[in-house]
Protein backbone atom coordinates (compact mmCIF):
# COMPACT_ATOMS: atom_id res chain seq x y z
CA MET A 1 56.53 180.92 14.88
CA ILE A 2 53.55 179.18 16.50
CA LYS A 3 53.51 176.60 13.71
CA GLN A 4 57.23 175.90 14.21
CA ILE A 5 56.69 175.38 17.95
CA GLN A 6 53.82 172.97 17.23
CA ILE A 7 55.99 170.97 14.84
CA ILE A 8 58.80 170.76 17.42
CA LEU A 9 56.36 169.61 20.12
CA ILE A 10 54.93 166.95 17.82
CA LEU A 11 58.43 165.67 17.02
CA LEU A 12 59.38 165.58 20.70
CA VAL A 13 56.23 163.70 21.68
CA THR A 14 56.69 161.27 18.79
CA CYS A 15 60.29 160.54 19.75
CA PHE A 16 59.41 160.06 23.41
CA TRP A 17 56.39 157.85 22.73
CA GLY A 18 58.38 155.73 20.33
CA ARG A 19 60.87 154.97 23.09
CA ALA A 20 58.88 154.95 26.31
CA GLY A 21 57.68 151.73 27.82
CA ASN A 22 58.70 149.36 25.06
CA ASN A 23 60.56 147.00 27.41
CA GLY A 24 63.51 147.08 25.03
CA ASN A 25 61.48 145.08 22.53
CA ASP A 26 61.36 147.93 20.00
CA ASP A 27 57.92 146.77 18.99
CA PHE A 28 55.92 149.95 18.44
CA HIS A 29 54.17 149.39 15.13
CA GLY A 30 50.56 149.20 16.30
CA ASP A 31 47.68 151.64 16.16
CA ILE A 32 47.25 153.30 19.56
CA THR A 33 44.09 155.19 18.65
CA SER A 34 41.56 152.35 18.73
CA PRO A 35 41.21 148.60 19.14
CA ALA A 36 41.80 146.46 16.10
CA VAL A 37 38.77 145.20 14.23
CA ARG A 38 40.36 143.19 11.47
CA ASN A 39 37.85 140.44 10.94
CA SER A 40 34.23 139.43 11.26
CA VAL A 41 35.00 137.24 14.30
CA LYS A 42 35.95 140.27 16.39
CA PHE A 43 32.96 142.21 15.07
CA ASN A 44 30.59 139.34 15.88
CA TYR A 45 31.87 139.08 19.44
CA ASP A 46 31.62 142.81 20.09
CA LEU A 47 28.11 142.86 18.67
CA ILE A 48 26.83 139.88 20.62
CA ALA A 49 28.49 140.86 23.88
CA GLY A 50 27.26 144.42 23.51
CA MET A 51 30.78 145.78 23.89
CA ASN A 52 32.12 149.00 22.44
CA TYR A 53 35.55 150.55 22.38
CA SER A 54 34.96 152.71 25.46
CA GLU A 55 34.12 149.64 27.57
CA GLN A 56 37.48 147.91 27.44
CA THR A 57 38.64 147.02 30.91
CA ASN A 58 42.14 147.17 32.31
CA PHE A 59 42.25 143.40 31.96
CA SER A 60 41.83 143.49 28.16
CA ASP A 61 44.43 143.92 25.45
CA ASP A 62 44.20 144.34 21.68
CA PHE A 63 48.03 144.38 21.46
CA ASN A 64 48.13 147.69 19.61
CA LEU A 65 50.10 149.65 22.21
CA PRO A 66 53.85 150.23 21.87
CA GLN A 67 54.49 147.90 24.79
CA LEU A 68 52.93 144.96 26.55
CA ARG A 69 50.37 146.21 29.05
CA SER A 70 51.45 146.02 32.68
CA LEU A 71 48.63 143.59 33.50
CA TRP A 72 50.63 140.77 31.89
CA GLN A 73 53.20 138.81 33.88
CA THR A 74 55.88 136.84 32.10
CA THR A 75 59.54 135.99 32.24
CA ILE A 76 59.66 134.71 28.66
CA SER A 77 62.73 136.11 26.94
CA GLU A 78 61.94 139.07 24.71
CA SER A 79 63.53 137.17 21.84
CA ASN A 80 60.65 134.70 22.16
CA TRP A 81 57.74 137.13 21.82
CA SER A 82 57.04 140.17 19.71
CA LEU A 83 54.55 142.93 18.99
CA LYS A 84 56.54 143.91 15.91
CA GLU A 85 56.77 140.85 13.70
CA ARG A 86 53.03 141.05 13.02
CA PRO A 87 51.80 144.51 14.01
CA GLY A 88 48.65 144.49 16.13
CA PHE A 89 49.24 140.93 17.35
CA LEU A 90 51.16 139.38 20.23
CA ARG A 91 53.35 136.71 18.70
CA ILE A 92 54.32 134.05 21.24
CA LYS A 93 57.02 131.71 20.02
CA GLY A 94 57.00 128.05 21.04
CA GLN A 95 58.64 127.45 24.41
CA LYS A 96 60.59 124.21 24.52
CA ILE A 97 59.30 122.13 27.43
CA THR A 98 59.07 118.64 28.86
CA ASP A 99 55.97 116.90 30.16
CA ASN A 100 56.83 117.96 33.70
CA ASP A 101 57.07 121.73 33.26
CA LYS A 102 54.43 122.70 30.70
CA PHE A 103 52.81 125.42 32.72
CA LEU A 104 55.59 126.99 34.73
CA PRO A 105 54.97 130.77 34.85
CA GLU A 106 58.07 131.49 32.81
CA ASN A 107 56.52 129.60 29.88
CA THR A 108 53.36 131.72 29.70
CA PHE A 109 51.78 135.18 29.70
CA SER A 110 49.43 135.49 32.67
CA GLN A 111 47.39 137.91 34.74
CA LYS A 112 45.76 137.65 38.15
CA VAL A 113 42.03 137.11 38.56
CA LYS A 114 40.06 137.98 41.68
CA TYR A 115 38.47 135.07 43.47
CA ASN A 116 34.68 134.99 43.63
CA THR A 117 34.40 136.92 40.37
CA ILE A 118 32.16 136.36 37.38
CA GLY A 119 32.70 136.95 33.69
CA GLU A 120 34.43 135.61 30.60
CA ALA A 121 37.98 135.74 29.30
CA ILE A 122 38.12 135.33 25.55
CA SER A 123 40.87 135.43 22.95
CA TYR A 124 41.16 135.19 19.17
CA ILE A 125 44.25 133.21 18.18
CA ASP A 126 45.82 132.69 14.77
CA LEU A 127 47.38 129.23 14.47
CA SER A 128 49.02 129.59 11.05
CA ASN A 129 52.55 129.18 12.43
CA LEU A 130 51.84 126.50 15.04
CA SER A 131 54.33 123.72 14.40
CA GLU A 132 54.42 119.97 14.97
CA ASN A 133 54.30 118.73 18.59
CA SER A 134 52.97 122.07 19.86
CA PHE A 135 50.27 123.04 22.34
CA ALA A 136 48.80 126.55 22.50
CA GLY A 137 45.79 128.29 24.01
CA LEU A 138 44.30 129.62 27.26
CA TYR A 139 44.65 128.28 30.78
CA PHE A 140 43.16 128.96 34.19
CA SER A 141 45.23 128.35 37.29
CA SER A 142 43.38 128.00 40.59
CA LYS A 143 45.42 125.69 42.79
CA ARG A 144 45.23 123.30 39.83
CA ILE A 145 45.91 124.28 36.21
CA ASN A 146 43.25 123.59 33.57
CA CYS A 147 43.43 124.62 29.93
CA ILE A 148 41.81 124.75 26.52
CA GLY A 149 43.81 124.98 23.35
CA VAL A 150 45.04 123.35 20.20
CA GLU A 151 47.51 120.51 19.80
CA ALA A 152 49.37 120.07 16.53
CA ASN A 153 50.47 116.53 15.72
CA SER A 154 50.93 114.56 12.48
CA GLN A 155 49.94 117.60 10.40
CA ILE A 156 46.60 117.76 12.26
CA LYS A 157 45.41 120.54 14.54
CA ARG A 158 42.84 119.47 17.12
CA LEU A 159 41.06 121.23 19.96
CA ILE A 160 41.83 119.84 23.38
CA ALA A 161 40.87 120.67 26.97
CA LYS A 162 42.47 119.38 30.14
CA VAL A 163 40.36 119.59 33.29
CA ASP A 164 41.45 118.05 36.59
CA ASN A 165 44.02 115.93 34.73
CA GLN A 166 41.33 114.54 32.42
CA VAL A 167 41.77 115.10 28.69
CA PHE A 168 38.83 116.09 26.46
CA ARG A 169 39.43 116.04 22.71
CA GLY A 170 37.43 118.25 20.40
CA PRO A 171 37.20 118.42 16.62
CA GLU A 172 40.01 118.86 14.16
CA ILE A 173 40.57 122.41 12.97
CA SER A 174 40.58 122.86 9.22
CA GLY A 175 41.23 126.61 9.34
CA ASN A 176 43.98 128.61 10.97
CA SER A 177 42.15 130.47 13.72
CA VAL A 178 39.94 129.87 16.74
CA VAL A 179 38.24 131.80 19.52
CA LEU A 180 38.86 130.34 22.98
CA ARG A 181 36.82 131.33 26.01
CA ILE A 182 36.92 130.75 29.77
CA LYS A 183 33.61 131.28 31.58
CA ILE A 184 33.74 132.06 35.29
CA GLU A 185 30.88 131.97 37.78
CA ASN A 186 32.08 132.58 41.32
CA THR A 187 33.51 129.21 42.38
CA LYS A 188 33.38 127.35 39.06
CA GLY A 189 34.56 127.73 35.49
CA TRP A 190 34.47 125.98 32.12
CA PHE A 191 35.94 126.24 28.61
CA GLU A 192 34.34 126.96 25.24
CA TYR A 193 35.46 127.50 21.66
CA SER A 194 34.07 129.18 18.55
CA PHE A 195 35.07 129.65 14.92
CA ASP A 196 32.78 132.57 14.08
CA GLY A 197 32.48 134.55 17.31
CA ILE A 198 28.75 133.76 17.44
CA SER A 199 28.25 130.09 18.32
CA TYR A 200 30.21 128.61 21.23
CA THR A 201 30.67 124.97 22.21
CA GLN A 202 31.74 123.77 25.63
CA LEU A 203 34.73 121.46 25.76
CA GLY A 204 35.50 119.60 28.97
CA SER A 205 33.77 119.51 32.33
CA LEU A 206 33.33 122.19 34.99
CA PHE A 207 36.30 122.94 37.20
CA GLN A 208 36.33 124.39 40.69
CA LEU A 209 38.07 127.59 41.71
CA SER A 210 39.93 127.56 44.99
CA ALA A 211 39.55 130.31 47.59
CA LEU A 212 42.93 129.31 49.01
CA SER A 213 45.00 130.08 45.93
CA THR A 214 45.94 133.01 43.72
CA ASP A 215 44.11 132.60 40.42
CA PHE A 216 45.65 133.32 37.03
CA ILE A 217 44.46 133.34 33.44
CA GLY A 218 47.17 132.85 30.86
CA LEU A 219 48.20 132.40 27.24
CA TYR A 220 50.66 129.70 26.27
CA CYS A 221 52.52 128.29 23.27
CA LEU A 222 54.63 125.23 24.04
CA ASN A 223 56.62 122.79 21.95
CA GLU A 224 57.81 119.41 23.19
CA SER A 225 60.51 118.80 20.60
CA ASN A 226 62.35 121.85 19.29
CA GLY A 227 60.78 125.02 20.66
CA GLN A 228 59.80 126.17 17.18
CA GLY A 229 56.58 127.62 15.79
CA SER A 230 54.40 130.38 17.21
CA ILE A 231 50.88 131.73 17.64
CA ASP A 232 49.58 135.22 16.97
CA VAL A 233 47.11 136.54 19.55
CA ASP A 234 44.91 139.18 17.93
CA TRP A 235 43.01 140.23 21.05
CA PHE A 236 42.27 139.18 24.60
CA TYR A 237 39.22 140.53 26.42
CA TYR A 238 38.11 140.11 29.98
CA ASN A 239 34.40 140.81 29.82
CA PRO A 240 32.92 141.27 33.31
CA LYS A 241 29.37 140.96 34.55
CA ASP A 242 28.20 143.29 37.30
CA ASP A 243 24.93 144.11 39.02
CA HIS A 244 23.89 146.63 36.41
CA VAL A 245 24.91 145.37 32.99
CA THR A 246 24.98 141.80 31.71
CA LYS A 247 27.86 141.27 29.32
CA PHE A 248 27.83 137.55 28.75
CA ALA A 249 27.81 137.07 25.00
CA GLU A 250 25.33 134.18 24.98
CA ILE A 251 22.74 136.22 26.86
CA GLU A 252 22.41 138.47 23.83
CA ASN A 253 22.94 135.61 21.39
CA LYS A 254 19.29 134.56 21.22
CA PHE A 255 18.18 138.08 20.41
CA LEU A 256 20.84 138.75 17.79
CA ASN A 257 20.57 135.40 16.04
CA SER A 258 17.02 136.29 15.07
CA GLU A 259 18.37 139.28 13.20
CA LEU A 260 21.47 137.77 11.60
């Protein structure tokens, strides 16, 4: 009798969890028990930053829950994003835009950032399905919008940063993935990229954060011609620094590189 009751309770919980909080997207196919560690890039970052599973903050997301975490703000139609098409990833489909409306909130996934904070926002992005005339990556909005990402044109993918309306072009990308990072130190920030989760290169100049605006960090995938293509975001971490524990990845980098 006890075993039958246990089975019934398990079935009830399973049915409820499968339905609750999925925003109608029906996208519960992820692993809710632990963050995803699917590749050496994620392992390298966790190792260098000194992070472990218990230290994820409310600002981070490995996209393995049955629904998008409440920290994200977006008005993108649910037909244009999915947690189901590639389980464990947030797939953002290309939003058709013009030059004048690239970073309207409805074209992105964003979350608020406290002013006068310090830390790093970092994301591993798969670019396999990024199509021609597309732009995708991370942005920081603080009165003015600055971004780092990848542009796909003429069958070439290239890193690009835009800071204070100035464009900085990085190298071409021969592979299909990249790690993008935003570093924040109180009133200033800057962008970096990596291909292995160990070595990071700055792209673009410093940008100033405004105390008079609401700051946002966001993910975007935009297409200027047909709104096709997509990116798959494997994980997004906000890695804070406080008075007791330093979590900046490059602080530990010197120590770990001697062992790797």
